[in-house]
Amino acid sequence: MLYLIPTQGPLLLLGAAFDQVSLAPWQVGYAVVYPIVCAAGLCRAAKALFGRYVVQRSGVL
């Protein structure tokens, strides 16, 4: 369940850096790719919502 949180991947990498955990190859891939995918998805959503709620309604007072 914690793997759905985007900060879990970097925490896994920190644990591996200080020899607290040994990571499987899929965990390394998850730790690198998942936060990037989440950030890209949030960026896309922010651009769409900004366009919908700010740009389109800027002429309305």
PDB file of N, CA and C in Angstrom:
ATOM      1  N   MET A   1       0.818  -1.190   0.000  1.00  0.00           N
ATOM      2  CA  MET A   1       0.000   0.000   0.000  1.00  0.00           C
ATOM      3  C   MET A   1       0.865   1.260   0.000  1.00  0.00           C
ATOM      4  N   LEU A   2       1.980   1.237   0.695  1.00  0.00           N
ATOM      5  CA  LEU A   2       2.844   2.410   0.736  1.00  0.00           C
ATOM      6  C   LEU A   2       3.522   2.680  -0.599  1.00  0.00           C
ATOM      7  N   TYR A   3       3.551   1.697  -1.479  1.00  0.00           N
ATOM      8  CA  TYR A   3       4.197   1.895  -2.773  1.00  0.00           C
ATOM      9  C   TYR A   3       3.392   2.815  -3.685  1.00  0.00           C
ATOM     10  N   LEU A   4       2.165   3.159  -3.324  1.00  0.00           N
ATOM     11  CA  LEU A   4       1.374   4.102  -4.112  1.00  0.00           C
ATOM     12  C   LEU A   4       1.770   5.545  -3.826  1.00  0.00           C
ATOM     13  N   ILE A   5       2.460   5.784  -2.712  1.00  0.00           N
ATOM     14  CA  ILE A   5       2.897   7.132  -2.339  1.00  0.00           C
ATOM     15  C   ILE A   5       4.185   7.441  -3.101  1.00  0.00           C
ATOM     16  N   PRO A   6       4.249   8.548  -3.850  1.00  0.00           N
ATOM     17  CA  PRO A   6       5.419   8.837  -4.687  1.00  0.00           C
ATOM     18  C   PRO A   6       6.723   9.036  -3.918  1.00  0.00           C
ATOM     19  N   THR A   7       6.673   9.295  -2.620  1.00  0.00           N
ATOM     20  CA  THR A   7       7.913   9.499  -1.861  1.00  0.00           C
ATOM     21  C   THR A   7       8.524   8.193  -1.373  1.00  0.00           C
ATOM     22  N   GLN A   8       7.829   7.092  -1.529  1.00  0.00           N
ATOM     23  CA  GLN A   8       8.360   5.808  -1.069  1.00  0.00           C
ATOM     24  C   GLN A   8       9.610   5.406  -1.848  1.00  0.00           C
ATOM     25  N   GLY A   9       9.646   5.686  -3.144  1.00  0.00           N
ATOM     26  CA  GLY A   9      10.803   5.337  -3.968  1.00  0.00           C
ATOM     27  C   GLY A   9      12.082   6.019  -3.527  1.00  0.00           C
ATOM     28  N   PRO A  10      12.086   7.341  -3.393  1.00  0.00           N
ATOM     29  CA  PRO A  10      13.292   8.002  -2.903  1.00  0.00           C
ATOM     30  C   PRO A  10      13.700   7.547  -1.503  1.00  0.00           C
ATOM     31  N   LEU A  11      12.731   7.221  -0.654  1.00  0.00           N
ATOM     32  CA  LEU A  11      13.075   6.709   0.673  1.00  0.00           C
ATOM     33  C   LEU A  11      13.758   5.351   0.576  1.00  0.00           C
ATOM     34  N   LEU A  12      13.336   4.532  -0.375  1.00  0.00           N
ATOM     35  CA  LEU A  12      14.012   3.254  -0.601  1.00  0.00           C
ATOM     36  C   LEU A  12      15.457   3.475  -1.042  1.00  0.00           C
ATOM     37  N   LEU A  13      15.665   4.452  -1.928  1.00  0.00           N
ATOM     38  CA  LEU A  13      17.024   4.749  -2.379  1.00  0.00           C
ATOM     39  C   LEU A  13      17.892   5.258  -1.235  1.00  0.00           C
ATOM     40  N   LEU A  14      17.324   6.084  -0.363  1.00  0.00           N
ATOM     41  CA  LEU A  14      18.083   6.550   0.799  1.00  0.00           C
ATOM     42  C   LEU A  14      18.435   5.396   1.726  1.00  0.00           C
ATOM     43  N   GLY A  15      17.504   4.494   1.927  1.00  0.00           N
ATOM     44  CA  GLY A  15      17.782   3.325   2.756  1.00  0.00           C
ATOM     45  C   GLY A  15      18.879   2.463   2.165  1.00  0.00           C
ATOM     46  N   ALA A  16      18.893   2.326   0.850  1.00  0.00           N
ATOM     47  CA  ALA A  16      19.944   1.543   0.193  1.00  0.00           C
ATOM     48  C   ALA A  16      21.284   2.265   0.255  1.00  0.00           C
ATOM     49  N   ALA A  17      21.263   3.592   0.195  1.00  0.00           N
ATOM     50  CA  ALA A  17      22.513   4.354   0.238  1.00  0.00           C
ATOM     51  C   ALA A  17      23.211   4.209   1.581  1.00  0.00           C
ATOM     52  N   PHE A  18      22.444   4.059   2.642  1.00  0.00           N
ATOM     53  CA  PHE A  18      23.026   3.935   3.977  1.00  0.00           C
ATOM     54  C   PHE A  18      23.029   2.493   4.475  1.00  0.00           C
ATOM     55  N   ASP A  19      22.930   1.541   3.548  1.00  0.00           N
ATOM     56  CA  ASP A  19      22.999   0.103   3.836  1.00  0.00           C
ATOM     57  C   ASP A  19      21.971  -0.359   4.866  1.00  0.00           C
ATOM     58  N   GLN A  20      20.800   0.228   4.855  1.00  0.00           N
ATOM     59  CA  GLN A  20      19.728  -0.216   5.735  1.00  0.00           C
ATOM     60  C   GLN A  20      18.854  -1.262   5.046  1.00  0.00           C
ATOM     61  N   VAL A  21      18.820  -1.222   3.719  1.00  0.00           N
ATOM     62  CA  VAL A  21      18.000  -2.138   2.932  1.00  0.00           C
ATOM     63  C   VAL A  21      18.788  -2.556   1.706  1.00  0.00           C
ATOM     64  N   SER A  22      18.521  -3.746   1.212  1.00  0.00           N
ATOM     65  CA  SER A  22      19.056  -4.132  -0.098  1.00  0.00           C
ATOM     66  C   SER A  22      17.856  -4.224  -1.044  1.00  0.00           C
ATOM     67  N   LEU A  23      17.978  -3.571  -2.184  1.00  0.00           N
ATOM     68  CA  LEU A  23      16.846  -3.449  -3.101  1.00  0.00           C
ATOM     69  C   LEU A  23      16.908  -4.483  -4.214  1.00  0.00           C
ATOM     70  N   ALA A  24      15.751  -4.995  -4.561  1.00  0.00           N
ATOM     71  CA  ALA A  24      15.618  -5.853  -5.732  1.00  0.00           C
ATOM     72  C   ALA A  24      15.636  -4.954  -6.971  1.00  0.00           C
ATOM     73  N   PRO A  25      15.953  -5.510  -8.134  1.00  0.00           N
ATOM     74  CA  PRO A  25      15.992  -4.680  -9.352  1.00  0.00           C
ATOM     75  C   PRO A  25      14.674  -3.963  -9.653  1.00  0.00           C
ATOM     76  N   TRP A  26      13.540  -4.600  -9.384  1.00  0.00           N
ATOM     77  CA  TRP A  26      12.266  -3.932  -9.644  1.00  0.00           C
ATOM     78  C   TRP A  26      12.068  -2.752  -8.703  1.00  0.00           C
ATOM     79  N   GLN A  27      12.606  -2.824  -7.490  1.00  0.00           N
ATOM     80  CA  GLN A  27      12.477  -1.711  -6.553  1.00  0.00           C
ATOM     81  C   GLN A  27      13.316  -0.515  -6.992  1.00  0.00           C
ATOM     82  N   VAL A  28      14.473  -0.785  -7.579  1.00  0.00           N
ATOM     83  CA  VAL A  28      15.305   0.307  -8.092  1.00  0.00           C
ATOM     84  C   VAL A  28      14.582   0.998  -9.248  1.00  0.00           C
ATOM     85  N   GLY A  29      14.020   0.212 -10.148  1.00  0.00           N
ATOM     86  CA  GLY A  29      13.257   0.789 -11.253  1.00  0.00           C
ATOM     87  C   GLY A  29      12.058   1.580 -10.766  1.00  0.00           C
ATOM     88  N   TYR A  30      11.362   1.029  -9.782  1.00  0.00           N
ATOM     89  CA  TYR A  30      10.218   1.732  -9.197  1.00  0.00           C
ATOM     90  C   TYR A  30      10.661   3.041  -8.558  1.00  0.00           C
ATOM     91  N   ALA A  31      11.766   3.017  -7.834  1.00  0.00           N
ATOM     92  CA  ALA A  31      12.245   4.201  -7.115  1.00  0.00           C
ATOM     93  C   ALA A  31      12.652   5.320  -8.061  1.00  0.00           C
ATOM     94  N   VAL A  32      13.067   4.971  -9.263  1.00  0.00           N
ATOM     95  CA  VAL A  32      13.495   5.985 -10.225  1.00  0.00           C
ATOM     96  C   VAL A  32      12.326   6.442 -11.105  1.00  0.00           C
ATOM     97  N   VAL A  33      11.529   5.511 -11.587  1.00  0.00           N
ATOM     98  CA  VAL A  33      10.509   5.828 -12.594  1.00  0.00           C
ATOM     99  C   VAL A  33       9.218   6.380 -11.985  1.00  0.00           C
ATOM    100  N   TYR A  34       8.746   5.811 -10.908  1.00  0.00           N
ATOM    101  CA  TYR A  34       7.429   6.180 -10.375  1.00  0.00           C
ATOM    102  C   TYR A  34       7.325   7.649  -9.960  1.00  0.00           C
ATOM    103  N   PRO A  35       8.308   8.228  -9.258  1.00  0.00           N
ATOM    104  CA  PRO A  35       8.192   9.663  -8.939  1.00  0.00           C
ATOM    105  C   PRO A  35       8.185  10.557 -10.185  1.00  0.00           C
ATOM    106  N   ILE A  36       8.930  10.159 -11.212  1.00  0.00           N
ATOM    107  CA  ILE A  36       8.951  10.939 -12.455  1.00  0.00           C
ATOM    108  C   ILE A  36       7.590  10.875 -13.141  1.00  0.00           C
ATOM    109  N   VAL A  37       6.994   9.693 -13.172  1.00  0.00           N
ATOM    110  CA  VAL A  37       5.673   9.527 -13.787  1.00  0.00           C
ATOM    111  C   VAL A  37       4.620  10.321 -13.015  1.00  0.00           C
ATOM    112  N   CYS A  38       4.688  10.286 -11.694  1.00  0.00           N
ATOM    113  CA  CYS A  38       3.735  11.054 -10.879  1.00  0.00           C
ATOM    114  C   CYS A  38       3.894  12.550 -11.111  1.00  0.00           C
ATOM    115  N   ALA A  39       5.116  13.031 -11.158  1.00  0.00           N
ATOM    116  CA  ALA A  39       5.350  14.461 -11.392  1.00  0.00           C
ATOM    117  C   ALA A  39       4.856  14.873 -12.777  1.00  0.00           C
ATOM    118  N   ALA A  40       5.085  14.028 -13.782  1.00  0.00           N
ATOM    119  CA  ALA A  40       4.617  14.338 -15.132  1.00  0.00           C
ATOM    120  C   ALA A  40       3.090  14.355 -15.186  1.00  0.00           C
ATOM    121  N   GLY A  41       2.455  13.415 -14.522  1.00  0.00           N
ATOM    122  CA  GLY A  41       0.992  13.386 -14.485  1.00  0.00           C
ATOM    123  C   GLY A  41       0.407  14.600 -13.781  1.00  0.00           C
ATOM    124  N   LEU A  42       1.009  14.996 -12.664  1.00  0.00           N
ATOM    125  CA  LEU A  42       0.531  16.178 -11.950  1.00  0.00           C
ATOM    126  C   LEU A  42       0.762  17.449 -12.754  1.00  0.00           C
ATOM    127  N   CYS A  43       1.862  17.515 -13.487  1.00  0.00           N
ATOM    128  CA  CYS A  43       2.140  18.676 -14.334  1.00  0.00           C
ATOM    129  C   CYS A  43       1.098  18.787 -15.443  1.00  0.00           C
ATOM    130  N   ARG A  44       0.790  17.666 -16.049  1.00  0.00           N
ATOM    131  CA  ARG A  44      -0.215  17.663 -17.113  1.00  0.00           C
ATOM    132  C   ARG A  44      -1.589  18.066 -16.583  1.00  0.00           C
ATOM    133  N   ALA A  45      -1.942  17.539 -15.411  1.00  0.00           N
ATOM    134  CA  ALA A  45      -3.226  17.901 -14.804  1.00  0.00           C
ATOM    135  C   ALA A  45      -3.265  19.379 -14.440  1.00  0.00           C
ATOM    136  N   ALA A  46      -2.164  19.904 -13.918  1.00  0.00           N
ATOM    137  CA  ALA A  46      -2.117  21.321 -13.544  1.00  0.00           C
ATOM    138  C   ALA A  46      -2.267  22.220 -14.764  1.00  0.00           C
ATOM    139  N   LYS A  47      -1.621  21.859 -15.866  1.00  0.00           N
ATOM    140  CA  LYS A  47      -1.750  22.660 -17.088  1.00  0.00           C
ATOM    141  C   LYS A  47      -3.183  22.647 -17.610  1.00  0.00           C
ATOM    142  N   ALA A  48      -3.807  21.479 -17.591  1.00  0.00           N
ATOM    143  CA  ALA A  48      -5.182  21.379 -18.075  1.00  0.00           C
ATOM    144  C   ALA A  48      -6.138  22.165 -17.181  1.00  0.00           C
ATOM    145  N   LEU A  49      -5.993  22.029 -15.877  1.00  0.00           N
ATOM    146  CA  LEU A  49      -6.884  22.736 -14.958  1.00  0.00           C
ATOM    147  C   LEU A  49      -6.635  24.236 -14.967  1.00  0.00           C
ATOM    148  N   PHE A  50      -5.387  24.646 -15.133  1.00  0.00           N
ATOM    149  CA  PHE A  50      -5.083  26.072 -15.232  1.00  0.00           C
ATOM    150  C   PHE A  50      -5.744  26.661 -16.468  1.00  0.00           C
ATOM    151  N   GLY A  51      -5.634  25.939 -17.570  1.00  0.00           N
ATOM    152  CA  GLY A  51      -6.273  26.402 -18.798  1.00  0.00           C
ATOM    153  C   GLY A  51      -7.782  26.475 -18.666  1.00  0.00           C
ATOM    154  N   ARG A  52      -8.365  25.519 -17.980  1.00  0.00           N
ATOM    155  CA  ARG A  52      -9.819  25.474 -17.849  1.00  0.00           C
ATOM    156  C   ARG A  52     -10.347  26.526 -16.875  1.00  0.00           C
ATOM    157  N   TYR A  53      -9.711  26.678 -15.733  1.00  0.00           N
ATOM    158  CA  TYR A  53     -10.283  27.525 -14.687  1.00  0.00           C
ATOM    159  C   TYR A  53      -9.688  28.927 -14.602  1.00  0.00           C
ATOM    160  N   VAL A  54      -8.522  29.159 -15.162  1.00  0.00           N
ATOM    161  CA  VAL A  54      -7.914  30.486 -15.066  1.00  0.00           C
ATOM    162  C   VAL A  54      -7.949  31.198 -16.410  1.00  0.00           C
ATOM    163  N   VAL A  55      -7.439  30.556 -17.443  1.00  0.00           N
ATOM    164  CA  VAL A  55      -7.335  31.217 -18.743  1.00  0.00           C
ATOM    165  C   VAL A  55      -8.711  31.449 -19.353  1.00  0.00           C
ATOM    166  N   GLN A  56      -9.569  30.447 -19.336  1.00  0.00           N
ATOM    167  CA  GLN A  56     -10.889  30.595 -19.952  1.00  0.00           C
ATOM    168  C   GLN A  56     -11.776  31.577 -19.198  1.00  0.00           C
ATOM    169  N   ARG A  57     -11.588  31.695 -17.898  1.00  0.00           N
ATOM    170  CA  ARG A  57     -12.443  32.573 -17.095  1.00  0.00           C
ATOM    171  C   ARG A  57     -11.793  33.917 -16.792  1.00  0.00           C
ATOM    172  N   SER A  58     -10.700  34.234 -17.436  1.00  0.00           N
ATOM    173  CA  SER A  58     -10.003  35.479 -17.116  1.00  0.00           C
ATOM    174  C   SER A  58     -10.787  36.712 -17.550  1.00  0.00           C
ATOM    175  N   GLY A  59     -11.654  36.590 -18.527  1.00  0.00           N
ATOM    176  CA  GLY A  59     -12.445  37.722 -18.984  1.00  0.00           C
ATOM    177  C   GLY A  59     -13.717  37.935 -18.186  1.00  0.00           C
ATOM    178  N   VAL A  60     -14.046  37.005 -17.309  1.00  0.00           N
ATOM    179  CA  VAL A  60     -15.281  37.091 -16.528  1.00  0.00           C
ATOM    180  C   VAL A  60     -14.990  37.780 -15.203  1.00  0.00           C
ATOM    181  N   LEU A  61     -15.791  38.790 -14.874  1.00  0.00           N
ATOM    182  CA  LEU A  61     -15.610  39.480 -13.591  1.00  0.00           C
ATOM    183  C   LEU A  61     -16.756  39.215 -12.665  1.00  0.00           C
TER     184      LEU A  61
END
